[in-house]
Amino acid sequence: MRRGRVGLAPLGATTGRAVEPAAARRAVSAALEAATGLGDAHAAVAALFRPDATVGIKVNCLGGPNLSPRVDLVTALAALLAERGIPRRRIIVFDRSSRELARAGFAVRRDGAGFLCVGIDNDYDREPSTSGEIGSCFARLVSTTCTALVSFGVVKDHDLAGVSAGLKNLYGLIHNPNKYHDHNCDPYVADVANHPFVRGKLRLVVLDGVVAQCHGGPAYRPDTAWPLGLVAASTDPVAADAWAWKVIDAERVRRGLPTLAQAKRPPRFLATAARYGLGVGDPAAIVEVRA
């Protein structure tokens, strides 16, 4: 892990949701190179993922087609994993439901020549397990199938947690996230990330920041979205969210809105996650490396 380090690559907003595949590939590759300090995206992927891994890429499609990871960016990452030597049948893009994936533009498929793309669709462990203050049944994809995970989120605020980026995305791994939204979702977001199913497998966070949102999340709100024009990546999952907090607060201040702390919804879970040793939670300590 490159603690506190977030790699940033430019990718300007385009008409609609689509990104030209070559541009998507350049942005994802550059963000990975900047995040890892390695000069080649293939070397970065090789450092993070074994060729015998089964890699789950958890996307966040709750915000619908306008505030979900772009298919072209996720496809670019899947291609890099395949070029690492990981068979495409062991690259699994997933979210809570097939319906949300399809609504965001993903082609749901459980077989075929490309990477798999599936909804959890209520396929959870039969018995709950605990971590800190959570007691949850995890998706069997996470507990049993996948040996490595990527959290592929977006950059947006959350009306309770403060920030929904890479870590809050992991709420989609458990069957009962509705139980864990008190106290700005603290310590619950950190507790999910600290569970052995996640802590032992999460290798990378990638954030689609082509368009970000500073208020009104987690649902899409066009009047508070803005063209951030970046793809971010980090091997430090806490740092990725701390960076998102920083850029969201900067946009809120620019618009004359109170900061997340002033609005009484700071992402408190970041300090808890840092205390657990999961990464760097102080936005002032984040090292931005621009491609």
C-alpha atoms as a PDB file:
ATOM      1  CA  MET A   1       0.000   0.000   0.000  1.00  0.00           C
ATOM      2  CA  ARG A   2       1.210   3.512  -0.867  1.00  0.00           C
ATOM      3  CA  ARG A   3      -0.252   5.144   2.237  1.00  0.00           C
ATOM      4  CA  GLY A   4      -1.862   8.523   1.737  1.00  0.00           C
ATOM      5  CA  ARG A   5      -1.184   8.572  -1.997  1.00  0.00           C
ATOM      6  CA  VAL A   6      -3.890   9.209  -4.606  1.00  0.00           C
ATOM      7  CA  GLY A   7      -3.147   9.086  -8.323  1.00  0.00           C
ATOM      8  CA  LEU A   8      -5.100  11.484 -10.531  1.00  0.00           C
ATOM      9  CA  ALA A   9      -5.501  11.395 -14.293  1.00  0.00           C
ATOM     10  CA  PRO A  10      -7.430  13.940 -16.384  1.00  0.00           C
ATOM     11  CA  LEU A  11     -10.501  12.878 -18.324  1.00  0.00           C
ATOM     12  CA  GLY A  12     -12.732  15.671 -19.484  1.00  0.00           C
ATOM     13  CA  ALA A  13     -16.503  15.407 -19.491  1.00  0.00           C
ATOM     14  CA  THR A  14     -17.995  14.125 -22.718  1.00  0.00           C
ATOM     15  CA  THR A  15     -21.399  14.347 -24.320  1.00  0.00           C
ATOM     16  CA  GLY A  16     -23.492  11.793 -22.486  1.00  0.00           C
ATOM     17  CA  ARG A  17     -21.997   8.997 -20.417  1.00  0.00           C
ATOM     18  CA  ALA A  18     -19.807   7.309 -22.998  1.00  0.00           C
ATOM     19  CA  VAL A  19     -16.039   7.740 -22.969  1.00  0.00           C
ATOM     20  CA  GLU A  20     -13.977   6.938 -26.024  1.00  0.00           C
ATOM     21  CA  PRO A  21     -12.333   3.575 -25.182  1.00  0.00           C
ATOM     22  CA  ALA A  22      -8.782   4.735 -25.888  1.00  0.00           C
ATOM     23  CA  ALA A  23      -9.263   7.797 -23.663  1.00  0.00           C
ATOM     24  CA  ALA A  24     -10.724   5.613 -20.909  1.00  0.00           C
ATOM     25  CA  ARG A  25      -7.756   3.269 -21.159  1.00  0.00           C
ATOM     26  CA  ARG A  26      -5.268   6.152 -20.954  1.00  0.00           C
ATOM     27  CA  ALA A  27      -6.961   7.678 -17.915  1.00  0.00           C
ATOM     28  CA  VAL A  28      -7.274   4.432 -15.932  1.00  0.00           C
ATOM     29  CA  SER A  29      -3.703   3.431 -16.787  1.00  0.00           C
ATOM     30  CA  ALA A  30      -2.313   6.838 -15.840  1.00  0.00           C
ATOM     31  CA  ALA A  31      -4.202   6.903 -12.536  1.00  0.00           C
ATOM     32  CA  LEU A  32      -2.864   3.444 -11.636  1.00  0.00           C
ATOM     33  CA  GLU A  33       0.677   4.442 -12.530  1.00  0.00           C
ATOM     34  CA  ALA A  34       0.432   7.589 -10.417  1.00  0.00           C
ATOM     35  CA  ALA A  35      -1.146   5.725  -7.491  1.00  0.00           C
ATOM     36  CA  THR A  36       1.481   3.003  -7.361  1.00  0.00           C
ATOM     37  CA  GLY A  37       4.548   4.975  -8.402  1.00  0.00           C
ATOM     38  CA  LEU A  38       5.177   2.433 -11.129  1.00  0.00           C
ATOM     39  CA  GLY A  39       5.792   3.725 -14.605  1.00  0.00           C
ATOM     40  CA  ASP A  40       3.651   1.196 -16.394  1.00  0.00           C
ATOM     41  CA  ALA A  41       0.033   0.181 -15.853  1.00  0.00           C
ATOM     42  CA  HIS A  42       0.812  -3.483 -16.466  1.00  0.00           C
ATOM     43  CA  ALA A  43       3.478  -3.368 -13.758  1.00  0.00           C
ATOM     44  CA  ALA A  44       0.982  -1.689 -11.407  1.00  0.00           C
ATOM     45  CA  VAL A  45      -1.634  -4.375 -12.000  1.00  0.00           C
ATOM     46  CA  ALA A  46       0.972  -7.134 -11.627  1.00  0.00           C
ATOM     47  CA  ALA A  47       2.030  -5.678  -8.272  1.00  0.00           C
ATOM     48  CA  LEU A  48      -1.550  -5.744  -6.984  1.00  0.00           C
ATOM     49  CA  PHE A  49      -3.102  -8.889  -8.435  1.00  0.00           C
ATOM     50  CA  ARG A  50      -1.862 -12.456  -8.777  1.00  0.00           C
ATOM     51  CA  PRO A  51      -2.583 -14.130 -12.113  1.00  0.00           C
ATOM     52  CA  ASP A  52      -4.542 -16.852 -10.292  1.00  0.00           C
ATOM     53  CA  ALA A  53      -6.799 -14.306  -8.560  1.00  0.00           C
ATOM     54  CA  THR A  54     -10.540 -14.055  -8.920  1.00  0.00           C
ATOM     55  CA  VAL A  55     -11.122 -10.303  -8.923  1.00  0.00           C
ATOM     56  CA  GLY A  56     -14.412  -8.717  -7.939  1.00  0.00           C
ATOM     57  CA  ILE A  57     -14.927  -5.124  -9.081  1.00  0.00           C
ATOM     58  CA  LYS A  58     -17.672  -3.610  -6.911  1.00  0.00           C
ATOM     59  CA  VAL A  59     -19.294  -0.706  -8.732  1.00  0.00           C
ATOM     60  CA  ASN A  60     -21.746   1.784  -7.236  1.00  0.00           C
ATOM     61  CA  CYS A  61     -24.790   2.218  -9.456  1.00  0.00           C
ATOM     62  CA  LEU A  62     -27.169   3.597  -6.821  1.00  0.00           C
ATOM     63  CA  GLY A  63     -27.064   7.066  -8.407  1.00  0.00           C
ATOM     64  CA  GLY A  64     -28.454   5.787 -11.694  1.00  0.00           C
ATOM     65  CA  PRO A  65     -27.107   6.378 -15.188  1.00  0.00           C
ATOM     66  CA  ASN A  66     -25.839   9.899 -14.465  1.00  0.00           C
ATOM     67  CA  LEU A  67     -23.870   9.174 -11.293  1.00  0.00           C
ATOM     68  CA  SER A  68     -22.413   5.674 -11.640  1.00  0.00           C
ATOM     69  CA  PRO A  69     -18.974   4.518 -12.815  1.00  0.00           C
ATOM     70  CA  ARG A  70     -18.775   4.748 -16.575  1.00  0.00           C
ATOM     71  CA  VAL A  71     -18.856   1.403 -18.342  1.00  0.00           C
ATOM     72  CA  ASP A  72     -15.876   2.369 -20.502  1.00  0.00           C
ATOM     73  CA  LEU A  73     -13.685   3.053 -17.449  1.00  0.00           C
ATOM     74  CA  VAL A  74     -14.626  -0.229 -15.773  1.00  0.00           C
ATOM     75  CA  THR A  75     -14.027  -2.058 -19.055  1.00  0.00           C
ATOM     76  CA  ALA A  76     -10.568  -0.494 -19.298  1.00  0.00           C
ATOM     77  CA  LEU A  77      -9.664  -1.785 -15.841  1.00  0.00           C
ATOM     78  CA  ALA A  78     -11.025  -5.250 -16.672  1.00  0.00           C
ATOM     79  CA  ALA A  79      -8.881  -5.287 -19.816  1.00  0.00           C
ATOM     80  CA  LEU A  80      -5.742  -4.507 -17.808  1.00  0.00           C
ATOM     81  CA  LEU A  81      -6.574  -7.361 -15.436  1.00  0.00           C
ATOM     82  CA  ALA A  82      -7.052  -9.723 -18.378  1.00  0.00           C
ATOM     83  CA  GLU A  83      -3.708  -8.644 -19.797  1.00  0.00           C
ATOM     84  CA  ARG A  84      -2.209  -9.580 -16.430  1.00  0.00           C
ATOM     85  CA  GLY A  85      -3.205 -13.136 -17.307  1.00  0.00           C
ATOM     86  CA  ILE A  86      -6.370 -13.316 -15.208  1.00  0.00           C
ATOM     87  CA  PRO A  87      -9.004 -15.229 -17.216  1.00  0.00           C
ATOM     88  CA  ARG A  88     -11.986 -13.059 -18.036  1.00  0.00           C
ATOM     89  CA  ARG A  89     -14.326 -15.526 -16.336  1.00  0.00           C
ATOM     90  CA  ARG A  90     -12.494 -14.650 -13.095  1.00  0.00           C
ATOM     91  CA  ILE A  91     -13.009 -10.903 -13.515  1.00  0.00           C
ATOM     92  CA  ILE A  92     -16.427 -10.146 -12.030  1.00  0.00           C
ATOM     93  CA  VAL A  93     -17.991  -6.689 -12.123  1.00  0.00           C
ATOM     94  CA  PHE A  94     -20.851  -6.618  -9.643  1.00  0.00           C
ATOM     95  CA  ASP A  95     -23.296  -4.524  -7.642  1.00  0.00           C
ATOM     96  CA  ARG A  96     -26.228  -5.129  -5.335  1.00  0.00           C
ATOM     97  CA  SER A  97     -28.687  -5.916  -8.106  1.00  0.00           C
ATOM     98  CA  SER A  98     -28.757  -6.762 -11.778  1.00  0.00           C
ATOM     99  CA  ARG A  99     -31.446  -4.116 -12.193  1.00  0.00           C
ATOM    100  CA  GLU A 100     -29.177  -1.315 -10.948  1.00  0.00           C
ATOM    101  CA  LEU A 101     -26.314  -2.514 -13.148  1.00  0.00           C
ATOM    102  CA  ALA A 102     -28.509  -2.543 -16.243  1.00  0.00           C
ATOM    103  CA  ARG A 103     -29.948   0.883 -15.398  1.00  0.00           C
ATOM    104  CA  ALA A 104     -26.413   2.288 -15.299  1.00  0.00           C
ATOM    105  CA  GLY A 105     -25.624   0.847 -18.730  1.00  0.00           C
ATOM    106  CA  PHE A 106     -23.803  -2.380 -17.829  1.00  0.00           C
ATOM    107  CA  ALA A 107     -24.555  -5.535 -19.791  1.00  0.00           C
ATOM    108  CA  VAL A 108     -25.398  -8.188 -17.204  1.00  0.00           C
ATOM    109  CA  ARG A 109     -23.809 -11.519 -18.152  1.00  0.00           C
ATOM    110  CA  ARG A 110     -22.972 -14.659 -16.216  1.00  0.00           C
ATOM    111  CA  ASP A 111     -20.982 -16.331 -18.995  1.00  0.00           C
ATOM    112  CA  GLY A 112     -19.488 -15.587 -22.389  1.00  0.00           C
ATOM    113  CA  ALA A 113     -16.169 -14.348 -23.702  1.00  0.00           C
ATOM    114  CA  GLY A 114     -15.941 -11.076 -21.786  1.00  0.00           C
ATOM    115  CA  PHE A 115     -15.657 -10.317 -18.086  1.00  0.00           C
ATOM    116  CA  LEU A 116     -18.657 -11.333 -16.014  1.00  0.00           C
ATOM    117  CA  CYS A 117     -21.127  -8.707 -14.801  1.00  0.00           C
ATOM    118  CA  VAL A 118     -23.666  -9.776 -12.208  1.00  0.00           C
ATOM    119  CA  GLY A 119     -25.885  -8.559  -9.430  1.00  0.00           C
ATOM    120  CA  ILE A 120     -25.619  -9.995  -5.944  1.00  0.00           C
ATOM    121  CA  ASP A 121     -29.396 -10.368  -6.174  1.00  0.00           C
ATOM    122  CA  ASN A 122     -29.785 -11.502  -2.563  1.00  0.00           C
ATOM    123  CA  ASP A 123     -27.162 -14.252  -2.776  1.00  0.00           C
ATOM    124  CA  TYR A 124     -25.714 -13.740   0.712  1.00  0.00           C
ATOM    125  CA  ASP A 125     -24.113 -16.036   3.264  1.00  0.00           C
ATOM    126  CA  ARG A 126     -26.703 -17.938   5.257  1.00  0.00           C
ATOM    127  CA  GLU A 127     -25.183 -16.882   8.575  1.00  0.00           C
ATOM    128  CA  PRO A 128     -24.011 -13.394   9.615  1.00  0.00           C
ATOM    129  CA  SER A 129     -20.492 -12.587  10.715  1.00  0.00           C
ATOM    130  CA  THR A 130     -19.332  -9.702  12.837  1.00  0.00           C
ATOM    131  CA  SER A 131     -16.792  -6.907  12.640  1.00  0.00           C
ATOM    132  CA  GLY A 132     -16.809  -4.204  15.283  1.00  0.00           C
ATOM    133  CA  GLU A 133     -20.415  -3.087  15.596  1.00  0.00           C
ATOM    134  CA  ILE A 134     -21.792  -4.734  12.455  1.00  0.00           C
ATOM    135  CA  GLY A 135     -23.385  -8.150  12.200  1.00  0.00           C
ATOM    136  CA  SER A 136     -24.119  -8.909   8.561  1.00  0.00           C
ATOM    137  CA  CYS A 137     -24.413 -11.601   5.949  1.00  0.00           C
ATOM    138  CA  PHE A 138     -21.879 -10.855   3.221  1.00  0.00           C
ATOM    139  CA  ALA A 139     -22.403 -11.531  -0.465  1.00  0.00           C
ATOM    140  CA  ARG A 140     -21.072 -14.975  -1.282  1.00  0.00           C
ATOM    141  CA  LEU A 141     -19.214 -13.372  -4.163  1.00  0.00           C
ATOM    142  CA  VAL A 142     -17.101 -11.626  -1.535  1.00  0.00           C
ATOM    143  CA  SER A 143     -16.926 -14.223   1.225  1.00  0.00           C
ATOM    144  CA  THR A 144     -16.324 -17.229  -1.014  1.00  0.00           C
ATOM    145  CA  THR A 145     -15.758 -16.535  -4.718  1.00  0.00           C
ATOM    146  CA  CYS A 146     -13.424 -13.553  -4.993  1.00  0.00           C
ATOM    147  CA  THR A 147      -9.853 -13.569  -3.712  1.00  0.00           C
ATOM    148  CA  ALA A 148      -9.212  -9.887  -4.527  1.00  0.00           C
ATOM    149  CA  LEU A 149     -11.463  -6.826  -4.627  1.00  0.00           C
ATOM    150  CA  VAL A 150     -11.576  -3.420  -6.282  1.00  0.00           C
ATOM    151  CA  SER A 151     -13.961  -0.720  -5.095  1.00  0.00           C
ATOM    152  CA  PHE A 152     -14.915   1.291  -8.189  1.00  0.00           C
ATOM    153  CA  GLY A 153     -16.989   4.225  -7.007  1.00  0.00           C
ATOM    154  CA  VAL A 154     -17.847   7.803  -7.831  1.00  0.00           C
ATOM    155  CA  VAL A 155     -17.118  11.124  -6.120  1.00  0.00           C
ATOM    156  CA  LYS A 156     -20.243  12.334  -4.338  1.00  0.00           C
ATOM    157  CA  ASP A 157     -21.557  13.507  -1.024  1.00  0.00           C
ATOM    158  CA  HIS A 158     -23.940  11.465   1.104  1.00  0.00           C
ATOM    159  CA  ASP A 159     -26.757  12.941   3.168  1.00  0.00           C
ATOM    160  CA  LEU A 160     -25.786  10.878   6.245  1.00  0.00           C
ATOM    161  CA  ALA A 161     -22.219   9.604   5.798  1.00  0.00           C
ATOM    162  CA  GLY A 162     -20.910  12.864   4.322  1.00  0.00           C
ATOM    163  CA  VAL A 163     -18.937  11.144   1.542  1.00  0.00           C
ATOM    164  CA  SER A 164     -19.788   8.209  -0.668  1.00  0.00           C
ATOM    165  CA  ALA A 165     -16.758   7.191  -2.704  1.00  0.00           C
ATOM    166  CA  GLY A 166     -14.749   3.994  -2.255  1.00  0.00           C
ATOM    167  CA  LEU A 167     -15.543   2.934   1.323  1.00  0.00           C
ATOM    168  CA  LYS A 168     -19.282   3.642   1.474  1.00  0.00           C
ATOM    169  CA  ASN A 169     -19.507   1.629  -1.762  1.00  0.00           C
ATOM    170  CA  LEU A 170     -18.664  -1.414   0.364  1.00  0.00           C
ATOM    171  CA  TYR A 171     -22.062  -1.198   2.081  1.00  0.00           C
ATOM    172  CA  GLY A 172     -23.249  -2.967  -1.042  1.00  0.00           C
ATOM    173  CA  LEU A 173     -21.457  -6.115   0.145  1.00  0.00           C
ATOM    174  CA  ILE A 174     -23.772  -6.721   3.117  1.00  0.00           C
ATOM    175  CA  HIS A 175     -27.424  -7.694   3.353  1.00  0.00           C
ATOM    176  CA  ASN A 176     -28.491  -5.074   5.925  1.00  0.00           C
ATOM    177  CA  PRO A 177     -26.810  -1.706   5.217  1.00  0.00           C
ATOM    178  CA  ASN A 178     -30.006   0.093   6.242  1.00  0.00           C
ATOM    179  CA  LYS A 179     -29.146  -0.684   9.882  1.00  0.00           C
ATOM    180  CA  TYR A 180     -25.875   1.226   9.841  1.00  0.00           C
ATOM    181  CA  HIS A 181     -26.501   4.902   9.131  1.00  0.00           C
ATOM    182  CA  ASP A 182     -26.511   6.444  12.611  1.00  0.00           C
ATOM    183  CA  HIS A 183     -23.712   8.802  13.731  1.00  0.00           C
ATOM    184  CA  ASN A 184     -22.679   9.630  10.154  1.00  0.00           C
ATOM    185  CA  CYS A 185     -22.291   5.875   9.506  1.00  0.00           C
ATOM    186  CA  ASP A 186     -19.470   5.726  12.042  1.00  0.00           C
ATOM    187  CA  PRO A 187     -17.999   3.256  12.938  1.00  0.00           C
ATOM    188  CA  TYR A 188     -20.001   1.070  10.572  1.00  0.00           C
ATOM    189  CA  VAL A 189     -18.359   1.957   7.242  1.00  0.00           C
ATOM    190  CA  ALA A 190     -14.973   1.333   8.826  1.00  0.00           C
ATOM    191  CA  ASP A 191     -16.210  -1.904  10.381  1.00  0.00           C
ATOM    192  CA  VAL A 192     -17.305  -3.270   6.997  1.00  0.00           C
ATOM    193  CA  ALA A 193     -13.921  -2.371   5.511  1.00  0.00           C
ATOM    194  CA  ASN A 194     -12.151  -3.950   8.461  1.00  0.00           C
ATOM    195  CA  HIS A 195     -13.905  -7.311   8.104  1.00  0.00           C
ATOM    196  CA  PRO A 196     -11.477 -10.046   6.975  1.00  0.00           C
ATOM    197  CA  PHE A 197     -13.561 -10.650   3.836  1.00  0.00           C
ATOM    198  CA  VAL A 198     -12.740  -7.083   2.804  1.00  0.00           C
ATOM    199  CA  ARG A 199      -9.546  -6.021   4.565  1.00  0.00           C
ATOM    200  CA  GLY A 200      -7.723  -9.118   3.374  1.00  0.00           C
ATOM    201  CA  LYS A 201      -8.883  -8.750  -0.227  1.00  0.00           C
ATOM    202  CA  LEU A 202      -9.284  -5.060  -1.106  1.00  0.00           C
ATOM    203  CA  ARG A 203      -6.371  -4.132  -3.350  1.00  0.00           C
ATOM    204  CA  LEU A 204      -7.437  -0.956  -5.087  1.00  0.00           C
ATOM    205  CA  VAL A 205      -9.939   1.910  -5.173  1.00  0.00           C
ATOM    206  CA  VAL A 206     -10.766   3.625  -8.454  1.00  0.00           C
ATOM    207  CA  LEU A 207     -13.086   6.634  -8.549  1.00  0.00           C
ATOM    208  CA  ASP A 208     -14.905   7.993 -11.573  1.00  0.00           C
ATOM    209  CA  GLY A 209     -14.600  11.720 -10.980  1.00  0.00           C
ATOM    210  CA  VAL A 210     -15.410  12.832 -14.506  1.00  0.00           C
ATOM    211  CA  VAL A 211     -18.532  14.360 -12.976  1.00  0.00           C
ATOM    212  CA  ALA A 212     -18.763  14.719  -9.191  1.00  0.00           C
ATOM    213  CA  GLN A 213     -21.521  15.876  -6.849  1.00  0.00           C
ATOM    214  CA  CYS A 214     -21.175  18.066  -3.768  1.00  0.00           C
ATOM    215  CA  HIS A 215     -24.704  18.108  -2.320  1.00  0.00           C
ATOM    216  CA  GLY A 216     -27.896  16.071  -2.361  1.00  0.00           C
ATOM    217  CA  GLY A 217     -26.296  12.631  -2.584  1.00  0.00           C
ATOM    218  CA  PRO A 218     -26.393   9.725  -2.760  1.00  0.00           C
ATOM    219  CA  ALA A 219     -29.055  10.210  -5.472  1.00  0.00           C
ATOM    220  CA  TYR A 220     -28.142  12.189  -8.585  1.00  0.00           C
ATOM    221  CA  ARG A 221     -28.887  15.903  -8.401  1.00  0.00           C
ATOM    222  CA  PRO A 222     -27.889  17.785 -11.559  1.00  0.00           C
ATOM    223  CA  ASP A 223     -27.810  21.245  -9.983  1.00  0.00           C
ATOM    224  CA  THR A 224     -25.056  20.206  -7.545  1.00  0.00           C
ATOM    225  CA  ALA A 225     -23.021  18.062  -9.935  1.00  0.00           C
ATOM    226  CA  TRP A 226     -19.972  19.550 -11.588  1.00  0.00           C
ATOM    227  CA  PRO A 227     -17.298  18.473 -14.109  1.00  0.00           C
ATOM    228  CA  LEU A 228     -14.345  17.468 -11.944  1.00  0.00           C
ATOM    229  CA  GLY A 229     -12.693  15.854 -14.975  1.00  0.00           C
ATOM    230  CA  LEU A 230     -10.585  13.233 -13.189  1.00  0.00           C
ATOM    231  CA  VAL A 231     -10.106   9.541 -12.637  1.00  0.00           C
ATOM    232  CA  ALA A 232      -8.609   8.816  -9.211  1.00  0.00           C
ATOM    233  CA  ALA A 233      -6.949   5.656  -7.948  1.00  0.00           C
ATOM    234  CA  SER A 234      -5.347   4.601  -4.684  1.00  0.00           C
ATOM    235  CA  THR A 235      -4.111   1.468  -2.990  1.00  0.00           C
ATOM    236  CA  ASP A 236      -5.045   3.228   0.282  1.00  0.00           C
ATOM    237  CA  PRO A 237      -8.849   3.022   0.520  1.00  0.00           C
ATOM    238  CA  VAL A 238      -9.056   5.570   3.324  1.00  0.00           C
ATOM    239  CA  ALA A 239      -6.935   8.087   1.453  1.00  0.00           C
ATOM    240  CA  ALA A 240      -9.193   7.816  -1.597  1.00  0.00           C
ATOM    241  CA  ASP A 241     -12.176   8.889   0.506  1.00  0.00           C
ATOM    242  CA  ALA A 242     -10.187  11.594   2.309  1.00  0.00           C
ATOM    243  CA  TRP A 243      -9.274  13.024  -1.093  1.00  0.00           C
ATOM    244  CA  ALA A 244     -12.944  12.907  -2.138  1.00  0.00           C
ATOM    245  CA  TRP A 245     -13.881  14.732   1.066  1.00  0.00           C
ATOM    246  CA  LYS A 246     -11.364  17.451   0.252  1.00  0.00           C
ATOM    247  CA  VAL A 247     -12.595  18.053  -3.289  1.00  0.00           C
ATOM    248  CA  ILE A 248     -16.267  17.935  -2.269  1.00  0.00           C
ATOM    249  CA  ASP A 249     -15.681  20.488   0.491  1.00  0.00           C
ATOM    250  CA  ALA A 250     -13.742  22.735  -1.886  1.00  0.00           C
ATOM    251  CA  GLU A 251     -16.663  22.764  -4.317  1.00  0.00           C
ATOM    252  CA  ARG A 252     -19.155  23.373  -1.516  1.00  0.00           C
ATOM    253  CA  VAL A 253     -17.146  26.380  -0.326  1.00  0.00           C
ATOM    254  CA  ARG A 254     -16.930  27.683  -3.892  1.00  0.00           C
ATOM    255  CA  ARG A 255     -20.723  27.543  -4.092  1.00  0.00           C
ATOM    256  CA  GLY A 256     -21.252  29.200  -0.724  1.00  0.00           C
ATOM    257  CA  LEU A 257     -22.443  26.012   0.951  1.00  0.00           C
ATOM    258  CA  PRO A 258     -21.299  24.985   4.434  1.00  0.00           C
ATOM    259  CA  THR A 259     -18.559  22.412   4.634  1.00  0.00           C
ATOM    260  CA  LEU A 260     -19.615  18.856   5.440  1.00  0.00           C
ATOM    261  CA  ALA A 261     -18.465  19.358   9.026  1.00  0.00           C
ATOM    262  CA  GLN A 262     -20.467  22.588   9.316  1.00  0.00           C
ATOM    263  CA  ALA A 263     -23.470  20.711   7.891  1.00  0.00           C
ATOM    264  CA  LYS A 264     -23.045  18.140  10.686  1.00  0.00           C
ATOM    265  CA  ARG A 265     -22.231  15.268   8.390  1.00  0.00           C
ATOM    266  CA  PRO A 266     -18.464  14.934   8.293  1.00  0.00           C
ATOM    267  CA  PRO A 267     -17.240  11.472   7.208  1.00  0.00           C
ATOM    268  CA  ARG A 268     -16.322  10.471  10.755  1.00  0.00           C
ATOM    269  CA  PHE A 269     -15.704   6.904   9.649  1.00  0.00           C
ATOM    270  CA  LEU A 270     -12.414   7.983   8.060  1.00  0.00           C
ATOM    271  CA  ALA A 271     -10.795   8.665  11.439  1.00  0.00           C
ATOM    272  CA  THR A 272     -12.086   5.311  12.671  1.00  0.00           C
ATOM    273  CA  ALA A 273     -10.741   3.525   9.584  1.00  0.00           C
ATOM    274  CA  ALA A 274      -7.381   5.237  10.080  1.00  0.00           C
ATOM    275  CA  ARG A 275      -7.369   4.101  13.711  1.00  0.00           C
ATOM    276  CA  TYR A 276      -7.946   0.542  12.477  1.00  0.00           C
ATOM    277  CA  GLY A 277      -4.814   0.888  10.361  1.00  0.00           C
ATOM    278  CA  LEU A 278      -6.684   0.825   7.058  1.00  0.00           C
ATOM    279  CA  GLY A 279      -5.073   3.986   5.687  1.00  0.00           C
ATOM    280  CA  VAL A 280      -4.676   7.755   5.988  1.00  0.00           C
ATOM    281  CA  GLY A 281      -7.877   9.601   6.901  1.00  0.00           C
ATOM    282  CA  ASP A 282      -6.698  13.212   7.199  1.00  0.00           C
ATOM    283  CA  PRO A 283      -7.416  15.179   4.003  1.00  0.00           C
ATOM    284  CA  ALA A 284      -4.492  17.487   4.781  1.00  0.00           C
ATOM    285  CA  ALA A 285      -2.109  14.512   4.725  1.00  0.00           C
ATOM    286  CA  ILE A 286      -3.115  13.232   1.277  1.00  0.00           C
ATOM    287  CA  VAL A 287      -0.426  13.260  -1.405  1.00  0.00           C
ATOM    288  CA  GLU A 288      -1.919  13.928  -4.827  1.00  0.00           C
ATOM    289  CA  VAL A 289       0.135  12.585  -7.706  1.00  0.00           C
ATOM    290  CA  ARG A 290      -1.075  13.915 -11.036  1.00  0.00           C
ATOM    291  CA  ALA A 291      -0.382  12.038 -14.219  1.00  0.00           C
END
